[in-house]
Amino acid sequence: MLRALAEDGWDLGHLGRDHALKRAAGRRYRSFVLDWNDCSVVERLPGKVSGEWLFRGTRVPVKALFENLEDGARVDDFLEWFPGVTREQVETVLRHAERSLAVA
């Protein structure tokens, strides 16, 4: 996952030293849980996609981003495959995940 982010131009200099991110990068998304309540670009609605956390205004689960990145996709690939999701949403979700894992 970290390699794919670096290829997309993310500054990952400090992430190499972040032990929580190192541990999470090697695992599937389902193996760690983040609190998405404070992330403004996602929503969870009962009855919509089984209550999964979704990119706001879409039916695209947040976990789809992490699963695709872990499988080697780039952010640009994800945005092409899921046209309803914006780059701003992806970047906000990634920053939220980074902050959440840094305090874990």
Protein backbone atom coordinates (compact mmCIF):
# COMPACT_ATOMS: atom_id res chain seq x y z
CA MET A 1 0.00 0.00 0.00
CA LEU A 2 2.74 2.48 0.91
CA ARG A 3 4.55 1.86 -2.39
CA ALA A 4 1.38 2.64 -4.35
CA LEU A 5 0.93 5.91 -2.44
CA ALA A 6 4.55 6.91 -3.07
CA GLU A 7 4.11 6.24 -6.78
CA ASP A 8 1.11 8.59 -6.72
CA GLY A 9 3.30 11.38 -5.37
CA TRP A 10 2.49 11.23 -1.67
CA ASP A 11 5.31 12.41 0.61
CA LEU A 12 5.90 9.29 2.66
CA GLY A 13 9.16 10.29 4.31
CA HIS A 14 7.75 10.24 7.85
CA LEU A 15 5.60 7.16 7.24
CA GLY A 16 8.59 4.87 7.02
CA ARG A 17 9.20 5.53 10.70
CA ASP A 18 5.53 5.12 11.71
CA HIS A 19 5.28 1.67 13.26
CA ALA A 20 1.45 1.56 13.27
CA LEU A 21 1.35 2.29 9.54
CA LYS A 22 4.07 -0.27 8.86
CA ARG A 23 2.05 -2.93 10.68
CA ALA A 24 -1.20 -1.96 8.95
CA ALA A 25 0.33 -1.75 5.48
CA GLY A 26 1.05 -5.45 5.49
CA ARG A 27 -2.47 -6.48 6.51
CA ARG A 28 -5.79 -6.56 4.73
CA TYR A 29 -8.09 -3.61 5.52
CA ARG A 30 -10.52 -5.85 7.41
CA SER A 31 -7.90 -6.67 10.01
CA PHE A 32 -7.90 -3.18 11.50
CA VAL A 33 -10.80 -0.87 12.25
CA LEU A 34 -10.70 2.89 12.07
CA ASP A 35 -13.23 5.33 13.52
CA TRP A 36 -14.67 7.09 10.49
CA ASN A 37 -17.18 9.22 12.46
CA ASP A 38 -14.94 12.31 12.27
CA CYS A 39 -14.12 11.98 8.56
CA SER A 40 -16.30 14.43 6.63
CA VAL A 41 -16.01 12.72 3.23
CA VAL A 42 -17.54 9.40 4.29
CA GLU A 43 -20.97 8.37 5.49
CA ARG A 44 -22.72 5.33 6.88
CA LEU A 45 -26.42 4.99 6.23
CA PRO A 46 -28.56 2.12 7.51
CA GLY A 47 -29.85 0.09 4.59
CA LYS A 48 -27.35 1.51 2.09
CA VAL A 49 -24.70 -1.05 1.04
CA SER A 50 -25.34 -3.05 4.22
CA GLY A 51 -24.33 -0.13 6.45
CA GLU A 52 -20.73 0.00 5.16
CA TRP A 53 -18.74 3.22 5.42
CA LEU A 54 -19.07 4.82 1.98
CA PHE A 55 -17.53 7.75 0.19
CA ARG A 56 -20.15 10.48 0.75
CA GLY A 57 -22.68 10.70 -2.07
CA THR A 58 -21.67 7.34 -3.58
CA ARG A 59 -22.23 3.64 -3.07
CA VAL A 60 -18.46 3.01 -3.03
CA PRO A 61 -17.23 1.45 0.24
CA VAL A 62 -14.17 3.04 1.86
CA LYS A 63 -12.68 -0.42 2.22
CA ALA A 64 -12.61 -0.69 -1.59
CA LEU A 65 -9.91 2.01 -1.64
CA PHE A 66 -7.68 0.13 0.81
CA GLU A 67 -8.25 -3.24 -0.81
CA ASN A 68 -7.34 -1.87 -4.24
CA LEU A 69 -4.23 -0.07 -2.93
CA GLU A 70 -3.13 -3.21 -1.11
CA ASP A 71 -3.53 -5.16 -4.34
CA GLY A 72 -1.17 -2.75 -6.12
CA ALA A 73 -3.56 -0.22 -7.68
CA ARG A 74 -2.63 3.43 -7.77
CA VAL A 75 -4.93 6.24 -6.61
CA ASP A 76 -5.39 7.27 -10.26
CA ASP A 77 -6.52 3.71 -11.07
CA PHE A 78 -9.04 3.77 -8.24
CA LEU A 79 -10.43 7.13 -9.37
CA GLU A 80 -10.82 5.79 -12.90
CA TRP A 81 -12.57 2.64 -11.71
CA PHE A 82 -14.87 4.53 -9.30
CA PRO A 83 -15.72 7.80 -11.10
CA GLY A 84 -18.11 9.00 -8.37
CA VAL A 85 -15.23 9.31 -5.90
CA THR A 86 -13.11 12.48 -6.03
CA ARG A 87 -9.37 12.85 -5.48
CA GLU A 88 -10.15 15.15 -2.54
CA GLN A 89 -12.21 12.38 -0.91
CA VAL A 90 -9.43 9.82 -1.39
CA GLU A 91 -6.78 12.16 -0.01
CA THR A 92 -8.96 13.04 2.99
CA VAL A 93 -9.61 9.35 3.74
CA LEU A 94 -5.89 8.54 3.49
CA ARG A 95 -4.96 11.45 5.78
CA HIS A 96 -7.65 10.36 8.26
CA ALA A 97 -6.32 6.80 8.22
CA GLU A 98 -2.76 8.04 8.71
CA ARG A 99 -3.74 10.19 11.69
CA SER A 100 -5.85 7.42 13.22
CA LEU A 101 -3.11 4.82 12.89
CA ALA A 102 -0.47 7.19 14.24
CA VAL A 103 -2.31 7.40 17.58
CA ALA A 104 -3.20 3.69 17.66
